[in-house]
Every structure is written in C-alpha cells, then in structure tokens.
Amino acid sequence: MGSMTEATYAQILDSLKSIEPRPAIFFGGLGEPLFHKDITDWIARAKATGATVELITNATLLTEEKARALIASGLDNLWISIDGATPESYADVRLGAQLPLVIENVMRLRRLRKGGHFAKPEIDVAFVAMKRNIHELPEVLEVARRLGARQFKVSNVLPYTTELRDEILYAQGFAIWLTCRRRAFRA
C-alpha cells in the first residue's frame, strides 16, 4: 500500500511506447484518485501516449476547478461510484458522503464539457453490490440515466474489512441473477 512515485509513473509511461495498440489506462483502486495532487497532470501525460484514459471517483471532490482540469487533461471516461439511490443509503455505503452533492458535481461537469454527442469525458457509473444495497439497483440505474451515463457496471464488494465480509454477494448474487436470466429466457 502507498502512493506511486513519479519515477515509477514515468517508467510506466515510457514502457507504453513499445505497446501497440496502446492499452487503456485506468486510474482507480482503493482510495480516491482525485486526492492525488498531480492526477490531472498524470492523466494528460497518459493521454499524450495515445492511450484511452479512465478514472473512477466518488465525485465528492469534483469541484468546478477539478472538473475543468479533468476536461482539459483529455480524460476519456469518468466513472462515478454510486452505491445507493437515496441520500440515506448512499451515505451508509459511502460513509457519510452526500448523494445530492455528487449528483450536483457530475451535472456541473456535464455542463462544462465541450462538444455534442461525444463530449469528453464520457460519464459512466459503477455500482458496488452488497447485501445492504442490492435492492436499490433499479433505482441506481435510474440515477445513472439522469446523469447521462453511457455505461453501467456492477461489481461485488471487495471486503477489505471484517465487517464487509458479511456484505459479499458472490454465490447468492450469482444465483439470483442466473435465476432472473432463466425466467427471462423461458418467456
């Protein structure tokens, strides 16, 4: 665990020069990429290699200044983590974060983007499915639609604490989705 050094990042970018076609570069993982002081510079440098660049954020730090910087960096896709459809359920999963603020931040970024149908960065939504929020999936899809999301991805929670182990849907989630698909195919 820790932060990547500038030297390591420079080595990664340099090594991309030998890969054709360029792989997509994704800024994300544990933690909030918008906390990194050089994130927009790193995105711009990644874009300069010819790669597609994506970033995932909870959008709580997506101020107007940060939105303008992300747009200017050339970011292709901005993934927004939305794990609840109501302010209460969102704050429960995102530890006190405010869904109305996140929606406001994303809508501001949308207004600031230049271009028509293919304005950059494109907005996508990611949903971390857990026992306590899976019932809200249809409503979160509606929030994603209102935000103008182009893609929506669902993933299982990565249990990095003991409490989160009880939230895993792996076996149960697979059986529920498989059952739904079978019913849809029978009709």
N, C-alpha and C. Protein backbone atom coordinates (compact mmCIF):
# COMPACT_ATOMS: atom_id res chain seq x y z
N MET A 1 0.84 -1.18 0.00
CA MET A 1 0.00 0.00 0.00
C MET A 1 0.88 1.24 0.00
N GLY A 2 0.40 2.27 -0.63
CA GLY A 2 1.14 3.52 -0.67
C GLY A 2 0.85 4.25 -1.96
N SER A 3 1.56 5.32 -2.19
CA SER A 3 1.38 6.12 -3.40
C SER A 3 2.49 5.79 -4.40
N MET A 4 2.13 5.78 -5.66
CA MET A 4 3.10 5.55 -6.71
C MET A 4 4.02 6.76 -6.81
N THR A 5 5.30 6.52 -7.00
CA THR A 5 6.25 7.62 -7.13
C THR A 5 6.22 8.16 -8.56
N GLU A 6 6.68 9.37 -8.71
CA GLU A 6 6.79 9.99 -10.03
C GLU A 6 7.71 9.15 -10.93
N ALA A 7 8.80 8.64 -10.37
CA ALA A 7 9.74 7.83 -11.16
C ALA A 7 9.08 6.56 -11.68
N THR A 8 8.29 5.89 -10.85
CA THR A 8 7.59 4.68 -11.29
C THR A 8 6.59 5.02 -12.38
N TYR A 9 5.84 6.11 -12.20
CA TYR A 9 4.86 6.50 -13.20
C TYR A 9 5.54 6.83 -14.53
N ALA A 10 6.66 7.52 -14.48
CA ALA A 10 7.41 7.86 -15.71
C ALA A 10 7.87 6.58 -16.42
N GLN A 11 8.31 5.58 -15.65
CA GLN A 11 8.72 4.30 -16.23
C GLN A 11 7.55 3.60 -16.93
N ILE A 12 6.39 3.64 -16.29
CA ILE A 12 5.20 3.01 -16.88
C ILE A 12 4.86 3.69 -18.21
N LEU A 13 4.83 5.01 -18.20
CA LEU A 13 4.52 5.73 -19.45
C LEU A 13 5.54 5.44 -20.52
N ASP A 14 6.81 5.38 -20.14
CA ASP A 14 7.87 5.09 -21.11
C ASP A 14 7.70 3.70 -21.70
N SER A 15 7.30 2.74 -20.88
CA SER A 15 7.14 1.36 -21.36
C SER A 15 5.95 1.22 -22.31
N LEU A 16 4.98 2.13 -22.22
CA LEU A 16 3.83 2.07 -23.11
C LEU A 16 4.20 2.33 -24.57
N LYS A 17 5.30 3.01 -24.78
CA LYS A 17 5.72 3.35 -26.14
C LYS A 17 5.94 2.11 -27.01
N SER A 18 6.26 0.98 -26.36
CA SER A 18 6.53 -0.24 -27.13
C SER A 18 5.29 -1.11 -27.32
N ILE A 19 4.13 -0.69 -26.85
CA ILE A 19 2.91 -1.49 -26.95
C ILE A 19 1.97 -0.87 -27.97
N GLU A 20 1.63 -1.66 -28.96
CA GLU A 20 0.65 -1.23 -29.97
C GLU A 20 -0.42 -2.30 -30.10
N PRO A 21 -1.67 -1.98 -30.11
CA PRO A 21 -2.20 -0.66 -29.80
C PRO A 21 -2.01 -0.36 -28.31
N ARG A 22 -2.06 0.90 -27.98
CA ARG A 22 -1.87 1.31 -26.59
C ARG A 22 -2.99 0.72 -25.72
N PRO A 23 -2.65 0.23 -24.53
CA PRO A 23 -3.70 -0.26 -23.62
C PRO A 23 -4.43 0.93 -22.99
N ALA A 24 -5.61 0.67 -22.51
CA ALA A 24 -6.33 1.70 -21.75
C ALA A 24 -5.64 1.85 -20.39
N ILE A 25 -5.62 3.07 -19.89
CA ILE A 25 -5.04 3.35 -18.58
C ILE A 25 -6.18 3.74 -17.66
N PHE A 26 -6.26 3.05 -16.52
CA PHE A 26 -7.35 3.25 -15.58
C PHE A 26 -6.79 3.72 -14.24
N PHE A 27 -7.21 4.90 -13.81
CA PHE A 27 -6.82 5.42 -12.50
C PHE A 27 -7.92 5.06 -11.51
N GLY A 28 -7.60 4.19 -10.57
CA GLY A 28 -8.57 3.77 -9.58
C GLY A 28 -8.04 2.64 -8.74
N GLY A 29 -8.86 2.15 -7.87
CA GLY A 29 -8.48 1.08 -6.95
C GLY A 29 -8.96 1.46 -5.58
N LEU A 30 -8.19 1.16 -4.57
CA LEU A 30 -8.54 1.57 -3.21
C LEU A 30 -8.14 3.03 -3.05
N GLY A 31 -9.04 3.81 -2.53
CA GLY A 31 -8.74 5.22 -2.33
C GLY A 31 -9.38 6.08 -3.41
N GLU A 32 -9.23 7.37 -3.26
CA GLU A 32 -9.85 8.36 -4.15
C GLU A 32 -8.79 9.02 -5.02
N PRO A 33 -8.79 8.74 -6.34
CA PRO A 33 -7.77 9.32 -7.22
C PRO A 33 -7.73 10.85 -7.22
N LEU A 34 -8.86 11.51 -6.98
CA LEU A 34 -8.86 12.97 -7.01
C LEU A 34 -8.12 13.58 -5.82
N PHE A 35 -7.73 12.78 -4.84
CA PHE A 35 -6.89 13.26 -3.75
C PHE A 35 -5.46 13.51 -4.23
N HIS A 36 -5.04 12.79 -5.26
CA HIS A 36 -3.65 12.88 -5.73
C HIS A 36 -3.40 14.27 -6.31
N LYS A 37 -2.38 14.94 -5.83
CA LYS A 37 -2.12 16.32 -6.23
C LYS A 37 -1.78 16.47 -7.71
N ASP A 38 -1.25 15.43 -8.33
CA ASP A 38 -0.84 15.52 -9.73
C ASP A 38 -1.75 14.74 -10.69
N ILE A 39 -2.94 14.38 -10.25
CA ILE A 39 -3.77 13.47 -11.05
C ILE A 39 -4.07 14.02 -12.44
N THR A 40 -4.40 15.28 -12.56
CA THR A 40 -4.74 15.79 -13.90
C THR A 40 -3.51 15.86 -14.79
N ASP A 41 -2.35 16.16 -14.22
CA ASP A 41 -1.11 16.12 -15.00
C ASP A 41 -0.81 14.69 -15.45
N TRP A 42 -0.99 13.71 -14.55
CA TRP A 42 -0.74 12.32 -14.90
C TRP A 42 -1.70 11.85 -15.99
N ILE A 43 -2.94 12.30 -15.93
CA ILE A 43 -3.90 11.94 -16.98
C ILE A 43 -3.45 12.51 -18.32
N ALA A 44 -3.08 13.79 -18.33
CA ALA A 44 -2.64 14.44 -19.57
C ALA A 44 -1.42 13.74 -20.16
N ARG A 45 -0.50 13.34 -19.31
CA ARG A 45 0.69 12.62 -19.79
C ARG A 45 0.32 11.24 -20.33
N ALA A 46 -0.64 10.58 -19.70
CA ALA A 46 -1.10 9.28 -20.21
C ALA A 46 -1.77 9.46 -21.57
N LYS A 47 -2.59 10.50 -21.70
CA LYS A 47 -3.26 10.78 -22.98
C LYS A 47 -2.23 11.06 -24.07
N ALA A 48 -1.13 11.71 -23.72
CA ALA A 48 -0.09 12.04 -24.70
C ALA A 48 0.56 10.80 -25.30
N THR A 49 0.42 9.64 -24.65
CA THR A 49 0.96 8.40 -25.20
C THR A 49 0.05 7.81 -26.28
N GLY A 50 -1.17 8.37 -26.38
CA GLY A 50 -2.14 7.82 -27.33
C GLY A 50 -3.10 6.82 -26.71
N ALA A 51 -3.02 6.65 -25.40
CA ALA A 51 -3.89 5.69 -24.70
C ALA A 51 -5.25 6.31 -24.40
N THR A 52 -6.23 5.43 -24.24
CA THR A 52 -7.52 5.83 -23.68
C THR A 52 -7.33 5.87 -22.17
N VAL A 53 -7.86 6.92 -21.52
CA VAL A 53 -7.64 7.09 -20.09
C VAL A 53 -8.98 7.21 -19.37
N GLU A 54 -9.10 6.43 -18.29
CA GLU A 54 -10.31 6.41 -17.48
C GLU A 54 -9.94 6.64 -16.02
N LEU A 55 -10.89 7.16 -15.26
CA LEU A 55 -10.70 7.39 -13.83
C LEU A 55 -12.00 7.09 -13.12
N ILE A 56 -11.91 6.50 -11.94
CA ILE A 56 -13.11 6.29 -11.13
C ILE A 56 -13.01 7.15 -9.88
N THR A 57 -14.13 7.75 -9.50
CA THR A 57 -14.17 8.66 -8.37
C THR A 57 -15.51 8.55 -7.66
N ASN A 58 -15.54 8.94 -6.40
CA ASN A 58 -16.82 9.05 -5.72
C ASN A 58 -17.44 10.42 -5.98
N ALA A 59 -16.72 11.30 -6.65
CA ALA A 59 -17.16 12.64 -7.10
C ALA A 59 -17.41 13.63 -5.98
N THR A 60 -17.05 13.30 -4.76
CA THR A 60 -17.22 14.26 -3.68
C THR A 60 -16.23 15.42 -3.80
N LEU A 61 -15.08 15.19 -4.42
CA LEU A 61 -14.06 16.23 -4.61
C LEU A 61 -14.11 16.86 -6.00
N LEU A 62 -15.16 16.57 -6.75
CA LEU A 62 -15.27 17.04 -8.13
C LEU A 62 -15.80 18.47 -8.16
N THR A 63 -14.96 19.39 -7.70
CA THR A 63 -15.30 20.81 -7.70
C THR A 63 -15.29 21.34 -9.13
N GLU A 64 -15.72 22.56 -9.33
CA GLU A 64 -15.68 23.15 -10.66
C GLU A 64 -14.24 23.21 -11.17
N GLU A 65 -13.32 23.61 -10.31
CA GLU A 65 -11.91 23.67 -10.71
C GLU A 65 -11.39 22.30 -11.13
N LYS A 66 -11.70 21.27 -10.34
CA LYS A 66 -11.24 19.92 -10.66
C LYS A 66 -11.91 19.41 -11.94
N ALA A 67 -13.20 19.74 -12.12
CA ALA A 67 -13.90 19.32 -13.34
C ALA A 67 -13.25 19.95 -14.57
N ARG A 68 -12.96 21.23 -14.50
CA ARG A 68 -12.30 21.91 -15.63
C ARG A 68 -10.94 21.29 -15.92
N ALA A 69 -10.20 20.97 -14.87
CA ALA A 69 -8.88 20.36 -15.05
C ALA A 69 -8.98 18.96 -15.66
N LEU A 70 -9.98 18.17 -15.26
CA LEU A 70 -10.16 16.84 -15.84
C LEU A 70 -10.53 16.94 -17.32
N ILE A 71 -11.39 17.88 -17.65
CA ILE A 71 -11.78 18.08 -19.05
C ILE A 71 -10.54 18.48 -19.86
N ALA A 72 -9.77 19.42 -19.35
CA ALA A 72 -8.58 19.90 -20.06
C ALA A 72 -7.51 18.81 -20.19
N SER A 73 -7.49 17.87 -19.26
CA SER A 73 -6.48 16.80 -19.30
C SER A 73 -6.69 15.82 -20.44
N GLY A 74 -7.90 15.81 -21.01
CA GLY A 74 -8.20 14.87 -22.09
C GLY A 74 -8.80 13.55 -21.62
N LEU A 75 -9.17 13.47 -20.36
CA LEU A 75 -9.75 12.25 -19.81
C LEU A 75 -10.88 11.75 -20.71
N ASP A 76 -10.86 10.44 -21.02
CA ASP A 76 -11.89 9.86 -21.89
C ASP A 76 -13.14 9.46 -21.15
N ASN A 77 -12.99 8.77 -20.02
CA ASN A 77 -14.14 8.25 -19.27
C ASN A 77 -13.98 8.57 -17.80
N LEU A 78 -15.04 9.11 -17.22
CA LEU A 78 -15.08 9.39 -15.79
C LEU A 78 -16.13 8.47 -15.19
N TRP A 79 -15.66 7.48 -14.42
CA TRP A 79 -16.55 6.54 -13.74
C TRP A 79 -16.92 7.13 -12.39
N ILE A 80 -18.22 7.18 -12.10
CA ILE A 80 -18.72 7.69 -10.84
C ILE A 80 -19.24 6.51 -10.02
N SER A 81 -18.74 6.37 -8.80
CA SER A 81 -19.21 5.31 -7.90
C SER A 81 -20.51 5.78 -7.24
N ILE A 82 -21.57 5.08 -7.53
CA ILE A 82 -22.86 5.38 -6.89
C ILE A 82 -23.41 4.07 -6.36
N ASP A 83 -23.43 3.95 -5.04
CA ASP A 83 -23.77 2.69 -4.38
C ASP A 83 -25.05 2.76 -3.57
N GLY A 84 -25.87 3.76 -3.86
CA GLY A 84 -27.16 3.89 -3.19
C GLY A 84 -28.00 4.90 -3.95
N ALA A 85 -29.30 4.72 -3.94
CA ALA A 85 -30.20 5.57 -4.72
C ALA A 85 -30.82 6.70 -3.91
N THR A 86 -30.70 6.63 -2.59
CA THR A 86 -31.24 7.69 -1.74
C THR A 86 -30.08 8.30 -0.96
N PRO A 87 -30.24 9.53 -0.51
CA PRO A 87 -29.16 10.13 0.29
C PRO A 87 -28.79 9.28 1.51
N GLU A 88 -29.78 8.65 2.13
CA GLU A 88 -29.52 7.84 3.32
C GLU A 88 -28.73 6.57 2.98
N SER A 89 -29.16 5.83 1.97
CA SER A 89 -28.46 4.58 1.63
C SER A 89 -27.08 4.87 1.05
N TYR A 90 -26.96 5.93 0.28
CA TYR A 90 -25.66 6.31 -0.27
C TYR A 90 -24.69 6.66 0.85
N ALA A 91 -25.14 7.46 1.81
CA ALA A 91 -24.30 7.86 2.94
C ALA A 91 -23.92 6.66 3.80
N ASP A 92 -24.79 5.67 3.88
CA ASP A 92 -24.50 4.46 4.64
C ASP A 92 -23.35 3.68 4.01
N VAL A 93 -23.36 3.57 2.69
CA VAL A 93 -22.31 2.82 1.99
C VAL A 93 -21.05 3.67 1.83
N ARG A 94 -21.21 4.93 1.51
CA ARG A 94 -20.08 5.83 1.26
C ARG A 94 -19.69 6.65 2.48
N LEU A 95 -19.97 6.13 3.66
CA LEU A 95 -19.54 6.69 4.94
C LEU A 95 -19.74 8.21 5.06
N GLY A 96 -20.99 8.60 5.00
CA GLY A 96 -21.33 10.00 5.24
C GLY A 96 -21.29 10.90 4.03
N ALA A 97 -20.91 10.39 2.86
CA ALA A 97 -20.90 11.21 1.64
C ALA A 97 -22.33 11.61 1.29
N GLN A 98 -22.47 12.67 0.52
CA GLN A 98 -23.78 13.22 0.21
C GLN A 98 -24.13 13.01 -1.26
N LEU A 99 -25.13 12.17 -1.53
CA LEU A 99 -25.55 11.89 -2.89
C LEU A 99 -25.98 13.16 -3.64
N PRO A 100 -26.74 14.08 -3.04
CA PRO A 100 -27.10 15.29 -3.78
C PRO A 100 -25.87 16.10 -4.24
N LEU A 101 -24.83 16.14 -3.41
CA LEU A 101 -23.60 16.84 -3.79
C LEU A 101 -22.92 16.13 -4.96
N VAL A 102 -22.86 14.82 -4.92
CA VAL A 102 -22.26 14.04 -6.01
C VAL A 102 -23.00 14.30 -7.31
N ILE A 103 -24.33 14.24 -7.26
CA ILE A 103 -25.13 14.49 -8.47
C ILE A 103 -24.88 15.91 -8.98
N GLU A 104 -24.86 16.88 -8.08
CA GLU A 104 -24.60 18.27 -8.47
C GLU A 104 -23.22 18.41 -9.12
N ASN A 105 -22.20 17.76 -8.55
CA ASN A 105 -20.85 17.83 -9.10
C ASN A 105 -20.78 17.23 -10.50
N VAL A 106 -21.43 16.09 -10.71
CA VAL A 106 -21.41 15.44 -12.02
C VAL A 106 -22.19 16.26 -13.04
N MET A 107 -23.31 16.80 -12.64
CA MET A 107 -24.11 17.62 -13.57
C MET A 107 -23.33 18.88 -13.98
N ARG A 108 -22.59 19.47 -13.05
CA ARG A 108 -21.77 20.63 -13.39
C ARG A 108 -20.71 20.25 -14.41
N LEU A 109 -20.04 19.10 -14.22
CA LEU A 109 -19.05 18.64 -15.18
C LEU A 109 -19.69 18.46 -16.55
N ARG A 110 -20.88 17.89 -16.59
CA ARG A 110 -21.58 17.71 -17.86
C ARG A 110 -21.79 19.04 -18.57
N ARG A 111 -22.19 20.07 -17.83
CA ARG A 111 -22.43 21.39 -18.42
C ARG A 111 -21.13 22.02 -18.93
N LEU A 112 -20.02 21.73 -18.26
CA LEU A 112 -18.74 22.33 -18.63
C LEU A 112 -18.09 21.69 -19.85
N ARG A 113 -18.47 20.44 -20.15
CA ARG A 113 -17.86 19.74 -21.28
C ARG A 113 -18.19 20.44 -22.59
N LYS A 114 -17.25 20.36 -23.51
CA LYS A 114 -17.47 20.89 -24.85
C LYS A 114 -17.88 19.75 -25.76
N GLY A 115 -18.63 20.06 -26.80
CA GLY A 115 -18.97 19.04 -27.77
C GLY A 115 -20.42 18.61 -27.65
N GLY A 116 -20.82 17.79 -28.60
CA GLY A 116 -22.20 17.33 -28.66
C GLY A 116 -22.36 15.94 -28.09
N HIS A 117 -22.71 15.01 -28.96
CA HIS A 117 -22.99 13.62 -28.54
C HIS A 117 -21.81 12.94 -27.86
N PHE A 118 -20.62 13.26 -28.26
CA PHE A 118 -19.45 12.54 -27.76
C PHE A 118 -18.54 13.44 -26.93
N ALA A 119 -19.14 14.23 -26.06
CA ALA A 119 -18.38 15.14 -25.19
C ALA A 119 -17.49 14.32 -24.25
N LYS A 120 -16.33 14.85 -23.95
CA LYS A 120 -15.37 14.17 -23.08
C LYS A 120 -15.20 14.95 -21.79
N PRO A 121 -14.99 14.29 -20.68
CA PRO A 121 -15.03 12.85 -20.55
C PRO A 121 -16.46 12.33 -20.57
N GLU A 122 -16.61 11.11 -21.11
CA GLU A 122 -17.90 10.45 -21.03
C GLU A 122 -18.13 10.03 -19.59
N ILE A 123 -19.37 10.02 -19.19
CA ILE A 123 -19.70 9.67 -17.81
C ILE A 123 -20.23 8.24 -17.76
N ASP A 124 -19.70 7.48 -16.83
CA ASP A 124 -20.11 6.10 -16.60
C ASP A 124 -20.38 5.94 -15.11
N VAL A 125 -21.17 4.95 -14.74
CA VAL A 125 -21.49 4.74 -13.33
C VAL A 125 -21.11 3.31 -12.93
N ALA A 126 -20.50 3.21 -11.76
CA ALA A 126 -20.13 1.92 -11.19
C ALA A 126 -20.89 1.73 -9.88
N PHE A 127 -21.41 0.53 -9.69
CA PHE A 127 -22.21 0.19 -8.51
C PHE A 127 -21.54 -1.00 -7.84
N VAL A 128 -21.17 -0.85 -6.57
CA VAL A 128 -20.61 -1.96 -5.79
C VAL A 128 -21.78 -2.62 -5.08
N ALA A 129 -22.10 -3.82 -5.51
CA ALA A 129 -23.26 -4.54 -4.97
C ALA A 129 -22.93 -5.20 -3.65
N MET A 130 -23.82 -4.99 -2.70
CA MET A 130 -23.70 -5.57 -1.36
C MET A 130 -25.08 -6.02 -0.90
N LYS A 131 -25.10 -6.82 0.11
CA LYS A 131 -26.39 -7.26 0.65
C LYS A 131 -27.27 -6.08 1.03
N ARG A 132 -26.67 -5.04 1.58
CA ARG A 132 -27.46 -3.92 2.07
C ARG A 132 -27.92 -2.94 0.99
N ASN A 133 -27.41 -3.07 -0.26
CA ASN A 133 -27.83 -2.11 -1.28
C ASN A 133 -28.33 -2.74 -2.57
N ILE A 134 -28.25 -4.04 -2.72
CA ILE A 134 -28.62 -4.68 -3.98
C ILE A 134 -30.07 -4.40 -4.37
N HIS A 135 -30.95 -4.24 -3.39
CA HIS A 135 -32.35 -3.95 -3.69
C HIS A 135 -32.53 -2.60 -4.38
N GLU A 136 -31.54 -1.71 -4.30
CA GLU A 136 -31.63 -0.39 -4.91
C GLU A 136 -31.07 -0.34 -6.32
N LEU A 137 -30.61 -1.46 -6.85
CA LEU A 137 -30.01 -1.46 -8.18
C LEU A 137 -30.90 -0.81 -9.24
N PRO A 138 -32.19 -1.12 -9.33
CA PRO A 138 -33.02 -0.46 -10.35
C PRO A 138 -33.06 1.06 -10.20
N GLU A 139 -33.11 1.55 -8.98
CA GLU A 139 -33.14 2.99 -8.74
C GLU A 139 -31.80 3.64 -9.06
N VAL A 140 -30.69 2.93 -8.78
CA VAL A 140 -29.37 3.47 -9.11
C VAL A 140 -29.21 3.54 -10.63
N LEU A 141 -29.77 2.58 -11.34
CA LEU A 141 -29.76 2.65 -12.81
C LEU A 141 -30.47 3.91 -13.30
N GLU A 142 -31.56 4.28 -12.63
CA GLU A 142 -32.28 5.50 -12.98
C GLU A 142 -31.43 6.74 -12.70
N VAL A 143 -30.72 6.75 -11.57
CA VAL A 143 -29.81 7.87 -11.27
C VAL A 143 -28.75 7.96 -12.37
N ALA A 144 -28.21 6.83 -12.77
CA ALA A 144 -27.19 6.81 -13.83
C ALA A 144 -27.75 7.39 -15.13
N ARG A 145 -28.98 7.04 -15.45
CA ARG A 145 -29.61 7.57 -16.66
C ARG A 145 -29.73 9.08 -16.58
N ARG A 146 -30.17 9.58 -15.42
CA ARG A 146 -30.31 11.04 -15.24
C ARG A 146 -28.97 11.76 -15.36
N LEU A 147 -27.89 11.09 -14.97
CA LEU A 147 -26.57 11.68 -15.07
C LEU A 147 -26.01 11.61 -16.49
N GLY A 148 -26.71 10.90 -17.38
CA GLY A 148 -26.24 10.76 -18.75
C GLY A 148 -25.16 9.71 -18.90
N ALA A 149 -25.15 8.72 -18.01
CA ALA A 149 -24.12 7.68 -18.06
C ALA A 149 -24.24 6.88 -19.34
N ARG A 150 -23.11 6.58 -19.94
CA ARG A 150 -23.04 5.79 -21.15
C ARG A 150 -22.93 4.30 -20.82
N GLN A 151 -22.26 3.99 -19.71
CA GLN A 151 -22.07 2.60 -19.30
C GLN A 151 -22.43 2.48 -17.82
N PHE A 152 -22.78 1.27 -17.43
CA PHE A 152 -23.08 0.97 -16.03
C PHE A 152 -22.47 -0.39 -15.72
N LYS A 153 -21.66 -0.43 -14.67
CA LYS A 153 -21.04 -1.69 -14.27
C LYS A 153 -21.39 -2.02 -12.83
N VAL A 154 -21.61 -3.29 -12.59
CA VAL A 154 -21.89 -3.79 -11.24
C VAL A 154 -20.74 -4.70 -10.85
N SER A 155 -20.22 -4.50 -9.65
CA SER A 155 -19.18 -5.39 -9.15
C SER A 155 -19.52 -5.78 -7.71
N ASN A 156 -18.97 -6.90 -7.28
CA ASN A 156 -19.14 -7.32 -5.90
C ASN A 156 -18.19 -6.54 -5.01
N VAL A 157 -18.58 -6.37 -3.77
CA VAL A 157 -17.75 -5.63 -2.83
C VAL A 157 -16.43 -6.37 -2.59
N LEU A 158 -15.35 -5.62 -2.51
CA LEU A 158 -14.05 -6.17 -2.12
C LEU A 158 -13.95 -6.00 -0.61
N PRO A 159 -14.05 -7.09 0.14
CA PRO A 159 -14.13 -6.98 1.60
C PRO A 159 -12.78 -6.69 2.25
N TYR A 160 -12.41 -5.43 2.31
CA TYR A 160 -11.13 -5.06 2.91
C TYR A 160 -11.23 -4.84 4.42
N THR A 161 -12.42 -5.04 4.98
CA THR A 161 -12.57 -5.05 6.44
C THR A 161 -13.39 -6.28 6.81
N THR A 162 -13.34 -6.66 8.08
CA THR A 162 -14.10 -7.82 8.55
C THR A 162 -15.60 -7.59 8.39
N GLU A 163 -16.05 -6.36 8.64
CA GLU A 163 -17.47 -6.04 8.53
C GLU A 163 -17.99 -6.23 7.11
N LEU A 164 -17.15 -5.92 6.13
CA LEU A 164 -17.59 -6.03 4.73
C LEU A 164 -17.71 -7.48 4.26
N ARG A 165 -17.10 -8.42 4.96
CA ARG A 165 -17.24 -9.83 4.57
C ARG A 165 -18.69 -10.26 4.58
N ASP A 166 -19.47 -9.73 5.50
CA ASP A 166 -20.89 -10.08 5.59
C ASP A 166 -21.72 -9.46 4.47
N GLU A 167 -21.13 -8.55 3.69
CA GLU A 167 -21.84 -7.88 2.61
C GLU A 167 -21.65 -8.55 1.25
N ILE A 168 -20.78 -9.54 1.16
CA ILE A 168 -20.46 -10.20 -0.11
C ILE A 168 -21.68 -10.90 -0.69
N LEU A 169 -21.86 -10.76 -1.99
CA LEU A 169 -22.97 -11.41 -2.69
C LEU A 169 -22.52 -12.54 -3.61
N TYR A 170 -21.27 -12.88 -3.66
CA TYR A 170 -20.75 -13.79 -4.68
C TYR A 170 -21.69 -14.93 -5.04
N ALA A 171 -21.81 -15.92 -4.17
CA ALA A 171 -22.64 -17.09 -4.50
C ALA A 171 -24.12 -16.72 -4.58
N GLN A 172 -24.61 -16.00 -3.60
CA GLN A 172 -26.03 -15.63 -3.58
C GLN A 172 -26.36 -14.72 -4.76
N GLY A 173 -25.52 -13.76 -5.02
CA GLY A 173 -25.77 -12.82 -6.12
C GLY A 173 -25.80 -13.53 -7.46
N PHE A 174 -24.88 -14.47 -7.67
CA PHE A 174 -24.84 -15.20 -8.93
C PHE A 174 -26.12 -16.02 -9.11
N ALA A 175 -26.55 -16.68 -8.05
CA ALA A 175 -27.77 -17.50 -8.14
C ALA A 175 -28.98 -16.63 -8.44
N ILE A 176 -29.06 -15.44 -7.82
CA ILE A 176 -30.20 -14.56 -8.06
C ILE A 176 -30.22 -14.11 -9.52
N TRP A 177 -29.07 -13.68 -10.04
CA TRP A 177 -29.04 -13.21 -11.43
C TRP A 177 -29.26 -14.34 -12.41
N LEU A 178 -28.72 -15.50 -12.13
CA LEU A 178 -28.92 -16.64 -13.01
C LEU A 178 -30.40 -17.02 -13.05
N THR A 179 -31.07 -17.00 -11.91
CA THR A 179 -32.49 -17.29 -11.86
C THR A 179 -33.29 -16.29 -12.68
N CYS A 180 -32.96 -15.02 -12.55
CA CYS A 180 -33.66 -13.99 -13.32
C CYS A 180 -33.46 -14.21 -14.81
N ARG A 181 -32.27 -14.56 -15.22
CA ARG A 181 -31.99 -14.77 -16.64
C ARG A 181 -32.76 -15.99 -17.16
N ARG A 182 -32.83 -17.04 -16.39
CA ARG A 182 -33.57 -18.23 -16.84
C ARG A 182 -35.04 -17.90 -17.06
N ARG A 183 -35.62 -17.15 -16.13
CA ARG A 183 -37.03 -16.76 -16.29
C ARG A 183 -37.22 -15.93 -17.55
N ALA A 184 -36.29 -15.03 -17.79
CA ALA A 184 -36.41 -14.16 -18.98
C ALA A 184 -36.32 -15.00 -20.25
N PHE A 185 -35.49 -16.04 -20.27
CA PHE A 185 -35.36 -16.85 -21.47
C PHE A 185 -36.56 -17.77 -21.69
N ARG A 186 -37.27 -18.14 -20.62
CA ARG A 186 -38.43 -19.02 -20.76
C ARG A 186 -39.63 -18.30 -21.35
N ALA A 187 -39.69 -17.00 -21.12
CA ALA A 187 -40.87 -16.25 -21.54
C ALA A 187 -40.99 -16.14 -23.05
